[in-house]
């Protein structure tokens, strides 16, 4: 249910960007979410629709881009992407479990498209 708090921030960021641009409304918001961020687009959309009603972003389309998760291996020194599915924190090259998560938990508003 953390999507509600996250989408409140997305709404604030988007509305601020639209106002700063002198726009009448937000039409599309592109969000980049890491594969391990835990954000579920379906719930994010539901909450955004609910909280954006009556605002400059009412009716805006949300587009989600997924950022892959990468680990660095302390054993072999290589980096690799965690395969899709339940996360397995092992090196894809040597199989070691001695890895460090480098990316995959990020979440950002990449673009706010406006009109008017």
C-alpha atoms as a PDB file:
ATOM      1  CA  UNK A   1       0.000   0.000   0.000  1.00  0.00           C
ATOM      2  CA  UNK A   2       3.059   2.258  -0.164  1.00  0.00           C
ATOM      3  CA  UNK A   3       1.893   3.155  -3.668  1.00  0.00           C
ATOM      4  CA  UNK A   4      -0.474   5.770  -2.206  1.00  0.00           C
ATOM      5  CA  UNK A   5       2.340   7.773  -0.582  1.00  0.00           C
ATOM      6  CA  UNK A   6       4.508   7.412  -3.677  1.00  0.00           C
ATOM      7  CA  UNK A   7       1.731   8.569  -5.976  1.00  0.00           C
ATOM      8  CA  UNK A   8       1.076  11.591  -3.745  1.00  0.00           C
ATOM      9  CA  UNK A   9       4.688  12.589  -4.440  1.00  0.00           C
ATOM     10  CA  UNK A  10       4.249  11.913  -8.177  1.00  0.00           C
ATOM     11  CA  UNK A  11       1.163  14.131  -8.201  1.00  0.00           C
ATOM     12  CA  UNK A  12       2.976  16.936  -6.363  1.00  0.00           C
ATOM     13  CA  UNK A  13       6.026  16.741  -8.657  1.00  0.00           C
ATOM     14  CA  UNK A  14       3.868  16.666 -11.794  1.00  0.00           C
ATOM     15  CA  UNK A  15       1.560  19.484 -10.715  1.00  0.00           C
ATOM     16  CA  UNK A  16       4.539  21.655  -9.723  1.00  0.00           C
ATOM     17  CA  UNK A  17       6.195  21.015 -13.100  1.00  0.00           C
ATOM     18  CA  UNK A  18       2.997  21.884 -14.978  1.00  0.00           C
ATOM     19  CA  UNK A  19       2.482  25.108 -13.027  1.00  0.00           C
ATOM     20  CA  UNK A  20       6.125  26.118 -13.498  1.00  0.00           C
ATOM     21  CA  UNK A  21       5.643  25.643 -17.245  1.00  0.00           C
ATOM     22  CA  UNK A  22       2.413  27.654 -17.220  1.00  0.00           C
ATOM     23  CA  UNK A  23       0.481  24.631 -18.454  1.00  0.00           C
ATOM     24  CA  UNK A  24      -3.215  24.033 -18.022  1.00  0.00           C
ATOM     25  CA  UNK A  25      -3.012  20.320 -17.358  1.00  0.00           C
ATOM     26  CA  UNK A  26      -0.789  17.266 -17.110  1.00  0.00           C
ATOM     27  CA  UNK A  27      -1.515  14.748 -19.866  1.00  0.00           C
ATOM     28  CA  UNK A  28       1.141  12.058 -19.366  1.00  0.00           C
ATOM     29  CA  UNK A  29       3.660  11.111 -16.688  1.00  0.00           C
ATOM     30  CA  UNK A  30       6.496   8.697 -17.388  1.00  0.00           C
ATOM     31  CA  UNK A  31       7.762   6.870 -14.322  1.00  0.00           C
ATOM     32  CA  UNK A  32      10.885   4.710 -14.092  1.00  0.00           C
ATOM     33  CA  UNK A  33      10.613   2.049 -11.410  1.00  0.00           C
ATOM     34  CA  UNK A  34      13.282  -0.467 -10.516  1.00  0.00           C
ATOM     35  CA  UNK A  35      12.398  -4.137 -10.860  1.00  0.00           C
ATOM     36  CA  UNK A  36      12.808  -4.482  -7.085  1.00  0.00           C
ATOM     37  CA  UNK A  37      11.094  -1.219  -6.096  1.00  0.00           C
ATOM     38  CA  UNK A  38       7.966  -3.061  -5.052  1.00  0.00           C
ATOM     39  CA  UNK A  39       5.726  -0.617  -6.908  1.00  0.00           C
ATOM     40  CA  UNK A  40       2.784  -2.333  -8.574  1.00  0.00           C
ATOM     41  CA  UNK A  41       1.647  -0.268 -11.587  1.00  0.00           C
ATOM     42  CA  UNK A  42      -1.969  -1.424 -11.275  1.00  0.00           C
ATOM     43  CA  UNK A  43      -2.229  -0.055  -7.720  1.00  0.00           C
ATOM     44  CA  UNK A  44      -0.226   3.049  -8.572  1.00  0.00           C
ATOM     45  CA  UNK A  45      -2.735   3.823 -11.338  1.00  0.00           C
ATOM     46  CA  UNK A  46      -5.709   3.258  -9.046  1.00  0.00           C
ATOM     47  CA  UNK A  47      -4.331   5.515  -6.334  1.00  0.00           C
ATOM     48  CA  UNK A  48      -3.224   8.190  -8.792  1.00  0.00           C
ATOM     49  CA  UNK A  49      -6.660   8.329 -10.373  1.00  0.00           C
ATOM     50  CA  UNK A  50      -8.200   8.680  -6.917  1.00  0.00           C
ATOM     51  CA  UNK A  51      -5.920  11.442  -5.615  1.00  0.00           C
ATOM     52  CA  UNK A  52      -5.612  13.406  -8.866  1.00  0.00           C
ATOM     53  CA  UNK A  53      -9.379  13.936  -9.234  1.00  0.00           C
ATOM     54  CA  UNK A  54     -10.068  17.661  -9.425  1.00  0.00           C
ATOM     55  CA  UNK A  55      -6.391  18.571  -9.888  1.00  0.00           C
ATOM     56  CA  UNK A  56      -4.303  19.760 -12.817  1.00  0.00           C
ATOM     57  CA  UNK A  57      -3.310  16.104 -13.353  1.00  0.00           C
ATOM     58  CA  UNK A  58      -6.799  14.597 -13.455  1.00  0.00           C
ATOM     59  CA  UNK A  59      -7.004  12.096 -16.300  1.00  0.00           C
ATOM     60  CA  UNK A  60      -3.237  12.017 -16.882  1.00  0.00           C
ATOM     61  CA  UNK A  61      -1.873   8.807 -18.328  1.00  0.00           C
ATOM     62  CA  UNK A  62       0.826   7.012 -16.338  1.00  0.00           C
ATOM     63  CA  UNK A  63       3.522   5.209 -18.320  1.00  0.00           C
ATOM     64  CA  UNK A  64       5.826   2.859 -16.424  1.00  0.00           C
ATOM     65  CA  UNK A  65       9.325   1.937 -17.516  1.00  0.00           C
ATOM     66  CA  UNK A  66      11.006  -0.877 -15.608  1.00  0.00           C
ATOM     67  CA  UNK A  67      14.662  -0.460 -14.672  1.00  0.00           C
ATOM     68  CA  UNK A  68      16.458  -3.809 -14.365  1.00  0.00           C
ATOM     69  CA  UNK A  69      18.178  -4.937 -11.188  1.00  0.00           C
ATOM     70  CA  UNK A  70      21.951  -5.413 -11.295  1.00  0.00           C
ATOM     71  CA  UNK A  71      24.336  -6.996  -8.802  1.00  0.00           C
ATOM     72  CA  UNK A  72      28.120  -6.848  -8.526  1.00  0.00           C
ATOM     73  CA  UNK A  73      29.900 -10.018  -7.495  1.00  0.00           C
ATOM     74  CA  UNK A  74      32.570  -9.802  -4.816  1.00  0.00           C
ATOM     75  CA  UNK A  75      33.941 -13.195  -5.863  1.00  0.00           C
ATOM     76  CA  UNK A  76      34.535 -12.776  -9.596  1.00  0.00           C
ATOM     77  CA  UNK A  77      34.226  -8.984  -9.856  1.00  0.00           C
ATOM     78  CA  UNK A  78      31.659  -9.070 -12.642  1.00  0.00           C
ATOM     79  CA  UNK A  79      28.279  -7.386 -12.812  1.00  0.00           C
ATOM     80  CA  UNK A  80      25.059  -8.921 -14.040  1.00  0.00           C
ATOM     81  CA  UNK A  81      21.338  -8.411 -14.308  1.00  0.00           C
ATOM     82  CA  UNK A  82      19.086 -10.357 -11.977  1.00  0.00           C
ATOM     83  CA  UNK A  83      16.809 -12.469 -14.186  1.00  0.00           C
ATOM     84  CA  UNK A  84      13.057 -11.809 -14.200  1.00  0.00           C
ATOM     85  CA  UNK A  85      10.916 -13.671 -11.704  1.00  0.00           C
ATOM     86  CA  UNK A  86      11.472 -14.029  -7.986  1.00  0.00           C
ATOM     87  CA  UNK A  87      14.792 -12.289  -7.257  1.00  0.00           C
ATOM     88  CA  UNK A  88      17.754 -14.597  -6.791  1.00  0.00           C
ATOM     89  CA  UNK A  89      20.704 -12.709  -5.401  1.00  0.00           C
ATOM     90  CA  UNK A  90      23.489 -14.717  -6.982  1.00  0.00           C
ATOM     91  CA  UNK A  91      26.097 -13.886  -9.559  1.00  0.00           C
ATOM     92  CA  UNK A  92      24.853 -14.815 -13.009  1.00  0.00           C
ATOM     93  CA  UNK A  93      28.454 -15.543 -14.042  1.00  0.00           C
ATOM     94  CA  UNK A  94      29.950 -17.646 -11.243  1.00  0.00           C
ATOM     95  CA  UNK A  95      26.938 -18.458  -9.048  1.00  0.00           C
ATOM     96  CA  UNK A  96      28.359 -16.876  -5.904  1.00  0.00           C
ATOM     97  CA  UNK A  97      25.921 -15.466  -3.376  1.00  0.00           C
ATOM     98  CA  UNK A  98      28.479 -12.850  -2.327  1.00  0.00           C
ATOM     99  CA  UNK A  99      26.902 -10.011  -4.323  1.00  0.00           C
ATOM    100  CA  UNK A 100      26.037  -6.353  -3.822  1.00  0.00           C
ATOM    101  CA  UNK A 101      22.825  -4.893  -5.222  1.00  0.00           C
ATOM    102  CA  UNK A 102      23.782  -1.992  -7.527  1.00  0.00           C
ATOM    103  CA  UNK A 103      20.387  -1.021  -8.956  1.00  0.00           C
ATOM    104  CA  UNK A 104      16.797  -2.067  -9.143  1.00  0.00           C
ATOM    105  CA  UNK A 105      15.162  -0.238  -6.246  1.00  0.00           C
ATOM    106  CA  UNK A 106      15.046   3.230  -7.837  1.00  0.00           C
ATOM    107  CA  UNK A 107      11.878   5.172  -8.586  1.00  0.00           C
ATOM    108  CA  UNK A 108      11.713   8.472 -10.457  1.00  0.00           C
ATOM    109  CA  UNK A 109       9.459  10.733 -12.467  1.00  0.00           C
ATOM    110  CA  UNK A 110      11.228  10.827 -15.832  1.00  0.00           C
ATOM    111  CA  UNK A 111       8.895  13.064 -17.867  1.00  0.00           C
ATOM    112  CA  UNK A 112       5.827  15.192 -17.323  1.00  0.00           C
ATOM    113  CA  UNK A 113       3.961  16.028 -20.508  1.00  0.00           C
ATOM    114  CA  UNK A 114       1.593  18.978 -20.351  1.00  0.00           C
ATOM    115  CA  UNK A 115      -0.710  21.018 -22.537  1.00  0.00           C
ATOM    116  CA  UNK A 116      -2.395  24.374 -22.480  1.00  0.00           C
END
